[in-house]
Amino acid sequence: MAGAMREGVMTEADTCREFVTPRLIEAGWATEGHAIGEQRTFTDGRIMVSGGKVWRGKQKRADYLLFFDATFRWQWWRPRK
């Protein structure tokens, strides 16, 4: 990150590492029973069928998946234009 900061440009990963992840930890998401997943795929992609052919669509990814416990997850996407 020091190299990126010297040039005055932060990457998305730098921003997450410096601002988002620490705030999630402060909010208690890194305590026992909770977990933070970064840049995670959470679907295999929609199953598409056309003309007898079957394929999967694009997988969905989240910038952060927040796991409340083993049975409940909350996904968080980055706002996009």
PDB file of N, CA and C in Angstrom:
ATOM      1  N   MET A   1       0.818  -1.182   0.000  1.00  0.00           N
ATOM      2  CA  MET A   1       0.000   0.000   0.000  1.00  0.00           C
ATOM      3  C   MET A   1       0.865   1.249   0.000  1.00  0.00           C
ATOM      4  N   ALA A   2       2.037   1.191   0.579  1.00  0.00           N
ATOM      5  CA  ALA A   2       2.884   2.381   0.640  1.00  0.00           C
ATOM      6  C   ALA A   2       3.203   2.900  -0.753  1.00  0.00           C
ATOM      7  N   GLY A   3       3.444   1.990  -1.700  1.00  0.00           N
ATOM      8  CA  GLY A   3       3.727   2.408  -3.067  1.00  0.00           C
ATOM      9  C   GLY A   3       2.548   3.123  -3.695  1.00  0.00           C
ATOM     10  N   ALA A   4       1.356   2.594  -3.459  1.00  0.00           N
ATOM     11  CA  ALA A   4       0.153   3.217  -4.013  1.00  0.00           C
ATOM     12  C   ALA A   4      -0.078   4.586  -3.381  1.00  0.00           C
ATOM     13  N   MET A   5       0.187   4.704  -2.085  1.00  0.00           N
ATOM     14  CA  MET A   5      -0.024   5.977  -1.403  1.00  0.00           C
ATOM     15  C   MET A   5       0.979   7.032  -1.873  1.00  0.00           C
ATOM     16  N   ARG A   6       2.214   6.625  -2.170  1.00  0.00           N
ATOM     17  CA  ARG A   6       3.205   7.584  -2.654  1.00  0.00           C
ATOM     18  C   ARG A   6       2.766   8.193  -3.973  1.00  0.00           C
ATOM     19  N   GLU A   7       2.130   7.397  -4.800  1.00  0.00           N
ATOM     20  CA  GLU A   7       1.668   7.884  -6.098  1.00  0.00           C
ATOM     21  C   GLU A   7       0.351   8.644  -5.966  1.00  0.00           C
ATOM     22  N   GLY A   8      -0.256   8.628  -4.780  1.00  0.00           N
ATOM     23  CA  GLY A   8      -1.512   9.329  -4.569  1.00  0.00           C
ATOM     24  C   GLY A   8      -2.725   8.577  -5.063  1.00  0.00           C
ATOM     25  N   VAL A   9      -2.574   7.289  -5.350  1.00  0.00           N
ATOM     26  CA  VAL A   9      -3.675   6.485  -5.861  1.00  0.00           C
ATOM     27  C   VAL A   9      -3.867   5.278  -4.952  1.00  0.00           C
ATOM     28  N   MET A  10      -5.090   5.096  -4.487  1.00  0.00           N
ATOM     29  CA  MET A  10      -5.407   3.910  -3.690  1.00  0.00           C
ATOM     30  C   MET A  10      -6.231   2.966  -4.549  1.00  0.00           C
ATOM     31  N   THR A  11      -5.895   1.697  -4.500  1.00  0.00           N
ATOM     32  CA  THR A  11      -6.697   0.704  -5.198  1.00  0.00           C
ATOM     33  C   THR A  11      -7.924   0.382  -4.349  1.00  0.00           C
ATOM     34  N   GLU A  12      -8.850  -0.354  -4.924  1.00  0.00           N
ATOM     35  CA  GLU A  12     -10.024  -0.780  -4.169  1.00  0.00           C
ATOM     36  C   GLU A  12      -9.601  -1.637  -2.981  1.00  0.00           C
ATOM     37  N   ALA A  13      -8.626  -2.515  -3.195  1.00  0.00           N
ATOM     38  CA  ALA A  13      -8.139  -3.367  -2.106  1.00  0.00           C
ATOM     39  C   ALA A  13      -7.536  -2.527  -0.984  1.00  0.00           C
ATOM     40  N   ASP A  14      -6.784  -1.477  -1.342  1.00  0.00           N
ATOM     41  CA  ASP A  14      -6.207  -0.578  -0.333  1.00  0.00           C
ATOM     42  C   ASP A  14      -7.308   0.095   0.482  1.00  0.00           C
ATOM     43  N   THR A  15      -8.339   0.564  -0.197  1.00  0.00           N
ATOM     44  CA  THR A  15      -9.449   1.235   0.472  1.00  0.00           C
ATOM     45  C   THR A  15     -10.142   0.291   1.446  1.00  0.00           C
ATOM     46  N   CYS A  16     -10.403  -0.927   0.996  1.00  0.00           N
ATOM     47  CA  CYS A  16     -11.052  -1.909   1.869  1.00  0.00           C
ATOM     48  C   CYS A  16     -10.177  -2.222   3.074  1.00  0.00           C
ATOM     49  N   ARG A  17      -8.898  -2.454   2.823  1.00  0.00           N
ATOM     50  CA  ARG A  17      -7.965  -2.807   3.894  1.00  0.00           C
ATOM     51  C   ARG A  17      -7.816  -1.672   4.915  1.00  0.00           C
ATOM     52  N   GLU A  18      -7.805  -0.445   4.451  1.00  0.00           N
ATOM     53  CA  GLU A  18      -7.563   0.689   5.344  1.00  0.00           C
ATOM     54  C   GLU A  18      -8.827   1.215   6.023  1.00  0.00           C
ATOM     55  N   PHE A  19      -9.967   1.170   5.340  1.00  0.00           N
ATOM     56  CA  PHE A  19     -11.166   1.801   5.880  1.00  0.00           C
ATOM     57  C   PHE A  19     -12.286   0.829   6.248  1.00  0.00           C
ATOM     58  N   VAL A  20     -12.617  -0.101   5.360  1.00  0.00           N
ATOM     59  CA  VAL A  20     -13.798  -0.942   5.571  1.00  0.00           C
ATOM     60  C   VAL A  20     -13.532  -2.054   6.581  1.00  0.00           C
ATOM     61  N   THR A  21     -12.509  -2.862   6.349  1.00  0.00           N
ATOM     62  CA  THR A  21     -12.236  -3.999   7.226  1.00  0.00           C
ATOM     63  C   THR A  21     -12.031  -3.575   8.682  1.00  0.00           C
ATOM     64  N   PRO A  22     -11.240  -2.539   8.968  1.00  0.00           N
ATOM     65  CA  PRO A  22     -11.093  -2.132  10.371  1.00  0.00           C
ATOM     66  C   PRO A  22     -12.422  -1.735  11.027  1.00  0.00           C
ATOM     67  N   ARG A  23     -13.321  -1.116  10.270  1.00  0.00           N
ATOM     68  CA  ARG A  23     -14.617  -0.717  10.839  1.00  0.00           C
ATOM     69  C   ARG A  23     -15.481  -1.941  11.133  1.00  0.00           C
ATOM     70  N   LEU A  24     -15.396  -2.955  10.277  1.00  0.00           N
ATOM     71  CA  LEU A  24     -16.143  -4.186  10.539  1.00  0.00           C
ATOM     72  C   LEU A  24     -15.608  -4.880  11.790  1.00  0.00           C
ATOM     73  N   ILE A  25     -14.294  -4.881  11.952  1.00  0.00           N
ATOM     74  CA  ILE A  25     -13.686  -5.481  13.143  1.00  0.00           C
ATOM     75  C   ILE A  25     -14.107  -4.706  14.393  1.00  0.00           C
ATOM     76  N   GLU A  26     -14.071  -3.381  14.323  1.00  0.00           N
ATOM     77  CA  GLU A  26     -14.507  -2.544  15.454  1.00  0.00           C
ATOM     78  C   GLU A  26     -15.965  -2.804  15.813  1.00  0.00           C
ATOM     79  N   ALA A  27     -16.779  -3.119  14.809  1.00  0.00           N
ATOM     80  CA  ALA A  27     -18.203  -3.369  15.035  1.00  0.00           C
ATOM     81  C   ALA A  27     -18.469  -4.769  15.586  1.00  0.00           C
ATOM     82  N   GLY A  28     -17.415  -5.582  15.749  1.00  0.00           N
ATOM     83  CA  GLY A  28     -17.580  -6.896  16.361  1.00  0.00           C
ATOM     84  C   GLY A  28     -17.715  -8.054  15.406  1.00  0.00           C
ATOM     85  N   TRP A  29     -17.495  -7.830  14.125  1.00  0.00           N
ATOM     86  CA  TRP A  29     -17.660  -8.908  13.157  1.00  0.00           C
ATOM     87  C   TRP A  29     -16.505  -9.902  13.144  1.00  0.00           C
ATOM     88  N   ALA A  30     -15.456  -9.668  13.901  1.00  0.00           N
ATOM     89  CA  ALA A  30     -14.335 -10.611  13.947  1.00  0.00           C
ATOM     90  C   ALA A  30     -14.313 -11.387  15.265  1.00  0.00           C
ATOM     91  N   THR A  31     -15.376 -11.283  16.058  1.00  0.00           N
ATOM     92  CA  THR A  31     -15.428 -11.991  17.331  1.00  0.00           C
ATOM     93  C   THR A  31     -15.849 -13.436  17.112  1.00  0.00           C
ATOM     94  N   GLU A  32     -15.720 -14.241  18.153  1.00  0.00           N
ATOM     95  CA  GLU A  32     -16.073 -15.654  18.054  1.00  0.00           C
ATOM     96  C   GLU A  32     -17.531 -15.808  17.626  1.00  0.00           C
ATOM     97  N   GLY A  33     -17.766 -16.695  16.687  1.00  0.00           N
ATOM     98  CA  GLY A  33     -19.110 -16.924  16.178  1.00  0.00           C
ATOM     99  C   GLY A  33     -19.456 -16.082  14.964  1.00  0.00           C
ATOM    100  N   HIS A  34     -18.645 -15.079  14.674  1.00  0.00           N
ATOM    101  CA  HIS A  34     -18.854 -14.215  13.518  1.00  0.00           C
ATOM    102  C   HIS A  34     -17.624 -14.317  12.621  1.00  0.00           C
ATOM    103  N   ALA A  35     -17.799 -13.996  11.369  1.00  0.00           N
ATOM    104  CA  ALA A  35     -16.658 -14.015  10.451  1.00  0.00           C
ATOM    105  C   ALA A  35     -16.886 -13.017   9.324  1.00  0.00           C
ATOM    106  N   ILE A  36     -15.778 -12.564   8.768  1.00  0.00           N
ATOM    107  CA  ILE A  36     -15.807 -11.645   7.635  1.00  0.00           C
ATOM    108  C   ILE A  36     -15.168 -12.358   6.456  1.00  0.00           C
ATOM    109  N   GLY A  37     -15.888 -12.472   5.362  1.00  0.00           N
ATOM    110  CA  GLY A  37     -15.332 -13.034   4.132  1.00  0.00           C
ATOM    111  C   GLY A  37     -15.185 -11.927   3.106  1.00  0.00           C
ATOM    112  N   GLU A  38     -14.010 -11.819   2.517  1.00  0.00           N
ATOM    113  CA  GLU A  38     -13.769 -10.770   1.526  1.00  0.00           C
ATOM    114  C   GLU A  38     -13.672 -11.377   0.130  1.00  0.00           C
ATOM    115  N   GLN A  39     -14.243 -10.678  -0.853  1.00  0.00           N
ATOM    116  CA  GLN A  39     -14.184 -11.087  -2.258  1.00  0.00           C
ATOM    117  C   GLN A  39     -14.601 -12.550  -2.413  1.00  0.00           C
ATOM    118  N   ARG A  40     -15.830 -12.850  -2.037  1.00  0.00           N
ATOM    119  CA  ARG A  40     -16.323 -14.223  -2.055  1.00  0.00           C
ATOM    120  C   ARG A  40     -17.378 -14.433  -3.133  1.00  0.00           C
ATOM    121  N   THR A  41     -17.315 -15.577  -3.777  1.00  0.00           N
ATOM    122  CA  THR A  41     -18.360 -16.018  -4.693  1.00  0.00           C
ATOM    123  C   THR A  41     -19.422 -16.695  -3.843  1.00  0.00           C
ATOM    124  N   PHE A  42     -20.698 -16.366  -4.070  1.00  0.00           N
ATOM    125  CA  PHE A  42     -21.733 -16.969  -3.237  1.00  0.00           C
ATOM    126  C   PHE A  42     -22.832 -17.659  -4.036  1.00  0.00           C
ATOM    127  N   THR A  43     -22.699 -17.757  -5.360  1.00  0.00           N
ATOM    128  CA  THR A  43     -23.600 -18.593  -6.158  1.00  0.00           C
ATOM    129  C   THR A  43     -22.774 -19.318  -7.210  1.00  0.00           C
ATOM    130  N   ASP A  44     -23.319 -20.391  -7.723  1.00  0.00           N
ATOM    131  CA  ASP A  44     -22.669 -21.107  -8.819  1.00  0.00           C
ATOM    132  C   ASP A  44     -23.058 -20.520 -10.167  1.00  0.00           C
ATOM    133  N   GLY A  45     -24.020 -19.626 -10.189  1.00  0.00           N
ATOM    134  CA  GLY A  45     -24.511 -19.049 -11.439  1.00  0.00           C
ATOM    135  C   GLY A  45     -25.850 -19.657 -11.808  1.00  0.00           C
ATOM    136  N   ARG A  46     -26.688 -18.848 -12.406  1.00  0.00           N
ATOM    137  CA  ARG A  46     -28.021 -19.298 -12.807  1.00  0.00           C
ATOM    138  C   ARG A  46     -27.914 -20.392 -13.864  1.00  0.00           C
ATOM    139  N   ILE A  47     -28.751 -21.415 -13.745  1.00  0.00           N
ATOM    140  CA  ILE A  47     -28.792 -22.478 -14.754  1.00  0.00           C
ATOM    141  C   ILE A  47     -29.635 -21.975 -15.913  1.00  0.00           C
ATOM    142  N   MET A  48     -29.063 -22.002 -17.114  1.00  0.00           N
ATOM    143  CA  MET A  48     -29.738 -21.519 -18.316  1.00  0.00           C
ATOM    144  C   MET A  48     -29.992 -22.709 -19.244  1.00  0.00           C
ATOM    145  N   VAL A  49     -31.175 -22.733 -19.845  1.00  0.00           N
ATOM    146  CA  VAL A  49     -31.536 -23.796 -20.781  1.00  0.00           C
ATOM    147  C   VAL A  49     -32.108 -23.143 -22.028  1.00  0.00           C
ATOM    148  N   SER A  50     -31.570 -23.521 -23.189  1.00  0.00           N
ATOM    149  CA  SER A  50     -32.074 -22.994 -24.447  1.00  0.00           C
ATOM    150  C   SER A  50     -31.730 -23.962 -25.565  1.00  0.00           C
ATOM    151  N   GLY A  51     -32.738 -24.374 -26.313  1.00  0.00           N
ATOM    152  CA  GLY A  51     -32.507 -25.259 -27.446  1.00  0.00           C
ATOM    153  C   GLY A  51     -31.857 -26.579 -27.066  1.00  0.00           C
ATOM    154  N   GLY A  52     -32.175 -27.100 -25.906  1.00  0.00           N
ATOM    155  CA  GLY A  52     -31.605 -28.366 -25.467  1.00  0.00           C
ATOM    156  C   GLY A  52     -30.205 -28.240 -24.877  1.00  0.00           C
ATOM    157  N   LYS A  53     -29.660 -27.043 -24.856  1.00  0.00           N
ATOM    158  CA  LYS A  53     -28.337 -26.828 -24.256  1.00  0.00           C
ATOM    159  C   LYS A  53     -28.508 -26.244 -22.857  1.00  0.00           C
ATOM    160  N   VAL A  54     -27.640 -26.668 -21.967  1.00  0.00           N
ATOM    161  CA  VAL A  54     -27.694 -26.206 -20.582  1.00  0.00           C
ATOM    162  C   VAL A  54     -26.337 -25.631 -20.212  1.00  0.00           C
ATOM    163  N   TRP A  55     -26.340 -24.460 -19.575  1.00  0.00           N
ATOM    164  CA  TRP A  55     -25.092 -23.865 -19.105  1.00  0.00           C
ATOM    165  C   TRP A  55     -25.380 -23.003 -17.886  1.00  0.00           C
ATOM    166  N   ARG A  56     -24.333 -22.598 -17.240  1.00  0.00           N
ATOM    167  CA  ARG A  56     -24.478 -21.732 -16.072  1.00  0.00           C
ATOM    168  C   ARG A  56     -24.126 -20.303 -16.437  1.00  0.00           C
ATOM    169  N   GLY A  57     -24.871 -19.377 -15.868  1.00  0.00           N
ATOM    170  CA  GLY A  57     -24.585 -17.961 -16.048  1.00  0.00           C
ATOM    171  C   GLY A  57     -23.432 -17.535 -15.147  1.00  0.00           C
ATOM    172  N   LYS A  58     -23.200 -16.251 -15.126  1.00  0.00           N
ATOM    173  CA  LYS A  58     -22.104 -15.683 -14.353  1.00  0.00           C
ATOM    174  C   LYS A  58     -22.331 -15.879 -12.847  1.00  0.00           C
ATOM    175  N   GLN A  59     -21.263 -16.226 -12.140  1.00  0.00           N
ATOM    176  CA  GLN A  59     -21.332 -16.353 -10.689  1.00  0.00           C
ATOM    177  C   GLN A  59     -21.494 -14.974 -10.058  1.00  0.00           C
ATOM    178  N   LYS A  60     -22.148 -14.938  -8.906  1.00  0.00           N
ATOM    179  CA  LYS A  60     -22.294 -13.672  -8.185  1.00  0.00           C
ATOM    180  C   LYS A  60     -21.226 -13.594  -7.110  1.00  0.00           C
ATOM    181  N   ARG A  61     -20.650 -12.400  -6.978  1.00  0.00           N
ATOM    182  CA  ARG A  61     -19.594 -12.173  -5.995  1.00  0.00           C
ATOM    183  C   ARG A  61     -19.978 -10.987  -5.120  1.00  0.00           C
ATOM    184  N   ALA A  62     -19.509 -11.039  -3.903  1.00  0.00           N
ATOM    185  CA  ALA A  62     -19.713  -9.927  -2.968  1.00  0.00           C
ATOM    186  C   ALA A  62     -18.356  -9.432  -2.500  1.00  0.00           C
ATOM    187  N   ASP A  63     -18.251  -8.140  -2.282  1.00  0.00           N
ATOM    188  CA  ASP A  63     -17.014  -7.600  -1.723  1.00  0.00           C
ATOM    189  C   ASP A  63     -16.821  -8.117  -0.304  1.00  0.00           C
ATOM    190  N   TYR A  64     -17.911  -8.214   0.443  1.00  0.00           N
ATOM    191  CA  TYR A  64     -17.853  -8.740   1.804  1.00  0.00           C
ATOM    192  C   TYR A  64     -19.035  -9.661   2.043  1.00  0.00           C
ATOM    193  N   LEU A  65     -18.787 -10.807   2.688  1.00  0.00           N
ATOM    194  CA  LEU A  65     -19.836 -11.656   3.234  1.00  0.00           C
ATOM    195  C   LEU A  65     -19.636 -11.633   4.737  1.00  0.00           C
ATOM    196  N   LEU A  66     -20.662 -11.254   5.469  1.00  0.00           N
ATOM    197  CA  LEU A  66     -20.578 -11.207   6.922  1.00  0.00           C
ATOM    198  C   LEU A  66     -21.344 -12.403   7.466  1.00  0.00           C
ATOM    199  N   PHE A  67     -20.639 -13.279   8.175  1.00  0.00           N
ATOM    200  CA  PHE A  67     -21.236 -14.497   8.708  1.00  0.00           C
ATOM    201  C   PHE A  67     -21.603 -14.270  10.173  1.00  0.00           C
ATOM    202  N   PHE A  68     -22.902 -14.272  10.460  1.00  0.00           N
ATOM    203  CA  PHE A  68     -23.374 -14.085  11.830  1.00  0.00           C
ATOM    204  C   PHE A  68     -23.108 -15.337  12.649  1.00  0.00           C
ATOM    205  N   ASP A  69     -23.397 -16.491  12.071  1.00  0.00           N
ATOM    206  CA  ASP A  69     -23.036 -17.787  12.647  1.00  0.00           C
ATOM    207  C   ASP A  69     -22.970 -18.767  11.488  1.00  0.00           C
ATOM    208  N   ALA A  70     -22.844 -20.030  11.769  1.00  0.00           N
ATOM    209  CA  ALA A  70     -22.658 -21.018  10.710  1.00  0.00           C
ATOM    210  C   ALA A  70     -23.867 -21.143   9.787  1.00  0.00           C
ATOM    211  N   THR A  71     -25.040 -20.710  10.231  1.00  0.00           N
ATOM    212  CA  THR A  71     -26.250 -20.903   9.430  1.00  0.00           C
ATOM    213  C   THR A  71     -26.790 -19.628   8.802  1.00  0.00           C
ATOM    214  N   PHE A  72     -26.192 -18.498   9.100  1.00  0.00           N
ATOM    215  CA  PHE A  72     -26.729 -17.232   8.593  1.00  0.00           C
ATOM    216  C   PHE A  72     -25.603 -16.373   8.046  1.00  0.00           C
ATOM    217  N   ARG A  73     -25.758 -15.926   6.813  1.00  0.00           N
ATOM    218  CA  ARG A  73     -24.772 -15.003   6.249  1.00  0.00           C
ATOM    219  C   ARG A  73     -25.481 -13.789   5.673  1.00  0.00           C
ATOM    220  N   TRP A  74     -24.790 -12.687   5.708  1.00  0.00           N
ATOM    221  CA  TRP A  74     -25.308 -11.433   5.177  1.00  0.00           C
ATOM    222  C   TRP A  74     -24.305 -10.941   4.163  1.00  0.00           C
ATOM    223  N   GLN A  75     -24.756 -10.669   2.954  1.00  0.00           N
ATOM    224  CA  GLN A  75     -23.817 -10.239   1.919  1.00  0.00           C
ATOM    225  C   GLN A  75     -23.862  -8.736   1.727  1.00  0.00           C
ATOM    226  N   TRP A  76     -22.732  -8.214   1.340  1.00  0.00           N
ATOM    227  CA  TRP A  76     -22.599  -6.774   1.179  1.00  0.00           C
ATOM    228  C   TRP A  76     -21.861  -6.512  -0.115  1.00  0.00           C
ATOM    229  N   TRP A  77     -22.522  -5.817  -1.020  1.00  0.00           N
ATOM    230  CA  TRP A  77     -21.908  -5.473  -2.296  1.00  0.00           C
ATOM    231  C   TRP A  77     -21.418  -4.051  -2.266  1.00  0.00           C
ATOM    232  N   ARG A  78     -20.434  -3.800  -3.050  1.00  0.00           N
ATOM    233  CA  ARG A  78     -19.935  -2.435  -3.218  1.00  0.00           C
ATOM    234  C   ARG A  78     -20.918  -1.684  -4.116  1.00  0.00           C
ATOM    235  N   PRO A  79     -21.242  -0.466  -3.776  1.00  0.00           N
ATOM    236  CA  PRO A  79     -22.100   0.330  -4.662  1.00  0.00           C
ATOM    237  C   PRO A  79     -21.399   0.577  -5.995  1.00  0.00           C
ATOM    238  N   ARG A  80     -22.116   0.435  -7.065  1.00  0.00           N
ATOM    239  CA  ARG A  80     -21.542   0.654  -8.400  1.00  0.00           C
ATOM    240  C   ARG A  80     -22.393   1.652  -9.155  1.00  0.00           C
ATOM    241  N   LYS A  81     -21.754   2.317 -10.088  1.00  0.00           N
ATOM    242  CA  LYS A  81     -22.478   3.287 -10.919  1.00  0.00           C
ATOM    243  C   LYS A  81     -23.253   2.576 -11.993  1.00  0.00           C
TER     244      LYS A  81
END
